[in-house]
Amino acid sequence: MALSADALALSGDALALSADALALSADALALSGDALALSADALALSADALALQGIAKFNSLRINEMLYLAGGKRVFRFLHRL
């Protein structure tokens, strides 16, 4: 009879451990979802950064063009030596 009681107690412990493992799996799945969302946000931010970089490059070229047209070649060359 003592062996049956021990086996029953071990079965209860195993069931509790299985429940804990299931809860941990659910938490891991939720964290994976969060990580995926963060990755998507990072990708969107990278795309925004590339777009801003392109705008900055375009603005820089426009400024250079305006300086060249406004001041002639000497001013343009002087500013690019700085």
C-alpha atoms as a PDB file:
ATOM      1  CA  MET A   1       0.000   0.000   0.000  1.00  0.00           C
ATOM      2  CA  ALA A   2       2.874   2.372   0.730  1.00  0.00           C
ATOM      3  CA  LEU A   3       4.173   1.959  -2.820  1.00  0.00           C
ATOM      4  CA  SER A   4       0.791   2.911  -4.226  1.00  0.00           C
ATOM      5  CA  ALA A   5       0.723   6.053  -2.099  1.00  0.00           C
ATOM      6  CA  ASP A   6       4.236   6.961  -3.258  1.00  0.00           C
ATOM      7  CA  ALA A   7       3.312   6.326  -6.875  1.00  0.00           C
ATOM      8  CA  LEU A   8       0.217   8.486  -6.476  1.00  0.00           C
ATOM      9  CA  ALA A   9       2.265  11.287  -4.899  1.00  0.00           C
ATOM     10  CA  LEU A  10       4.810  11.073  -7.734  1.00  0.00           C
ATOM     11  CA  SER A  11       2.000  11.197 -10.286  1.00  0.00           C
ATOM     12  CA  GLY A  12       0.683  14.339  -8.602  1.00  0.00           C
ATOM     13  CA  ASP A  13       4.142  15.897  -8.715  1.00  0.00           C
ATOM     14  CA  ALA A  14       4.529  14.953 -12.368  1.00  0.00           C
ATOM     15  CA  LEU A  15       1.165  16.506 -13.147  1.00  0.00           C
ATOM     16  CA  ALA A  16       2.174  19.735 -11.367  1.00  0.00           C
ATOM     17  CA  LEU A  17       5.459  19.818 -13.289  1.00  0.00           C
ATOM     18  CA  SER A  18       3.590  19.291 -16.551  1.00  0.00           C
ATOM     19  CA  ALA A  19       1.307  22.217 -15.718  1.00  0.00           C
ATOM     20  CA  ASP A  20       4.350  24.381 -14.957  1.00  0.00           C
ATOM     21  CA  ALA A  21       5.974  23.346 -18.236  1.00  0.00           C
ATOM     22  CA  LEU A  22       2.797  24.210 -20.121  1.00  0.00           C
ATOM     23  CA  ALA A  23       2.679  27.651 -18.470  1.00  0.00           C
ATOM     24  CA  LEU A  24       6.338  28.240 -19.356  1.00  0.00           C
ATOM     25  CA  SER A  25       5.637  27.232 -22.955  1.00  0.00           C
ATOM     26  CA  ALA A  26       2.774  29.723 -23.111  1.00  0.00           C
ATOM     27  CA  ASP A  27       5.062  32.446 -21.734  1.00  0.00           C
ATOM     28  CA  ALA A  28       7.741  31.554 -24.278  1.00  0.00           C
ATOM     29  CA  LEU A  29       5.193  31.751 -27.083  1.00  0.00           C
ATOM     30  CA  ALA A  30       4.051  35.188 -25.881  1.00  0.00           C
ATOM     31  CA  LEU A  31       7.674  36.369 -25.716  1.00  0.00           C
ATOM     32  CA  SER A  32       8.266  35.080 -29.241  1.00  0.00           C
ATOM     33  CA  GLY A  33       5.285  37.101 -30.420  1.00  0.00           C
ATOM     34  CA  ASP A  34       6.673  40.188 -28.706  1.00  0.00           C
ATOM     35  CA  ALA A  35      10.088  39.609 -30.277  1.00  0.00           C
ATOM     36  CA  LEU A  36       8.494  39.287 -33.700  1.00  0.00           C
ATOM     37  CA  ALA A  37       6.595  42.551 -33.197  1.00  0.00           C
ATOM     38  CA  LEU A  38       9.815  44.284 -32.115  1.00  0.00           C
ATOM     39  CA  SER A  39      11.586  42.954 -35.194  1.00  0.00           C
ATOM     40  CA  ALA A  40       8.838  44.344 -37.399  1.00  0.00           C
ATOM     41  CA  ASP A  41       9.144  47.715 -35.649  1.00  0.00           C
ATOM     42  CA  ALA A  42      12.923  47.676 -36.130  1.00  0.00           C
ATOM     43  CA  LEU A  43      12.480  46.934 -39.816  1.00  0.00           C
ATOM     44  CA  ALA A  44      10.029  49.818 -40.179  1.00  0.00           C
ATOM     45  CA  LEU A  45      12.446  52.144 -38.375  1.00  0.00           C
ATOM     46  CA  SER A  46      15.257  51.043 -40.691  1.00  0.00           C
ATOM     47  CA  ALA A  47      13.101  51.843 -43.704  1.00  0.00           C
ATOM     48  CA  ASP A  48      12.303  55.262 -42.232  1.00  0.00           C
ATOM     49  CA  ALA A  49      15.999  55.886 -41.580  1.00  0.00           C
ATOM     50  CA  LEU A  50      16.854  55.016 -45.175  1.00  0.00           C
ATOM     51  CA  ALA A  51      14.144  57.353 -46.432  1.00  0.00           C
ATOM     52  CA  LEU A  52      15.438  60.172 -44.223  1.00  0.00           C
ATOM     53  CA  GLN A  53      18.973  59.499 -45.406  1.00  0.00           C
ATOM     54  CA  GLY A  54      17.794  59.828 -48.999  1.00  0.00           C
ATOM     55  CA  ILE A  55      16.023  63.103 -48.215  1.00  0.00           C
ATOM     56  CA  ALA A  56      19.142  64.441 -46.483  1.00  0.00           C
ATOM     57  CA  LYS A  57      21.304  63.484 -49.463  1.00  0.00           C
ATOM     58  CA  PHE A  58      18.881  65.173 -51.857  1.00  0.00           C
ATOM     59  CA  ASN A  59      18.806  68.322 -49.685  1.00  0.00           C
ATOM     60  CA  SER A  60      22.594  68.343 -49.539  1.00  0.00           C
ATOM     61  CA  LEU A  61      22.803  68.165 -53.319  1.00  0.00           C
ATOM     62  CA  ARG A  62      20.267  70.976 -53.658  1.00  0.00           C
ATOM     63  CA  ILE A  63      22.211  73.157 -51.206  1.00  0.00           C
ATOM     64  CA  ASN A  64      25.425  72.489 -53.094  1.00  0.00           C
ATOM     65  CA  GLU A  65      23.701  73.420 -56.338  1.00  0.00           C
ATOM     66  CA  MET A  66      22.336  76.652 -54.855  1.00  0.00           C
ATOM     67  CA  LEU A  67      25.750  77.588 -53.438  1.00  0.00           C
ATOM     68  CA  TYR A  68      27.355  76.904 -56.774  1.00  0.00           C
ATOM     69  CA  LEU A  69      24.793  78.969 -58.663  1.00  0.00           C
ATOM     70  CA  ALA A  70      24.776  81.792 -56.102  1.00  0.00           C
ATOM     71  CA  GLY A  71      28.463  82.213 -55.511  1.00  0.00           C
ATOM     72  CA  GLY A  72      30.207  80.818 -58.509  1.00  0.00           C
ATOM     73  CA  LYS A  73      32.879  78.175 -58.539  1.00  0.00           C
ATOM     74  CA  ARG A  74      35.219  79.881 -56.031  1.00  0.00           C
ATOM     75  CA  VAL A  75      32.718  79.906 -53.142  1.00  0.00           C
ATOM     76  CA  PHE A  76      31.681  76.340 -53.927  1.00  0.00           C
ATOM     77  CA  ARG A  77      35.278  75.125 -53.925  1.00  0.00           C
ATOM     78  CA  PHE A  78      36.089  77.060 -50.750  1.00  0.00           C
ATOM     79  CA  LEU A  79      33.178  75.507 -48.838  1.00  0.00           C
ATOM     80  CA  HIS A  80      34.087  71.997 -49.944  1.00  0.00           C
ATOM     81  CA  ARG A  81      37.639  72.418 -48.665  1.00  0.00           C
ATOM     82  CA  LEU A  82      36.349  73.002 -45.122  1.00  0.00           C
END
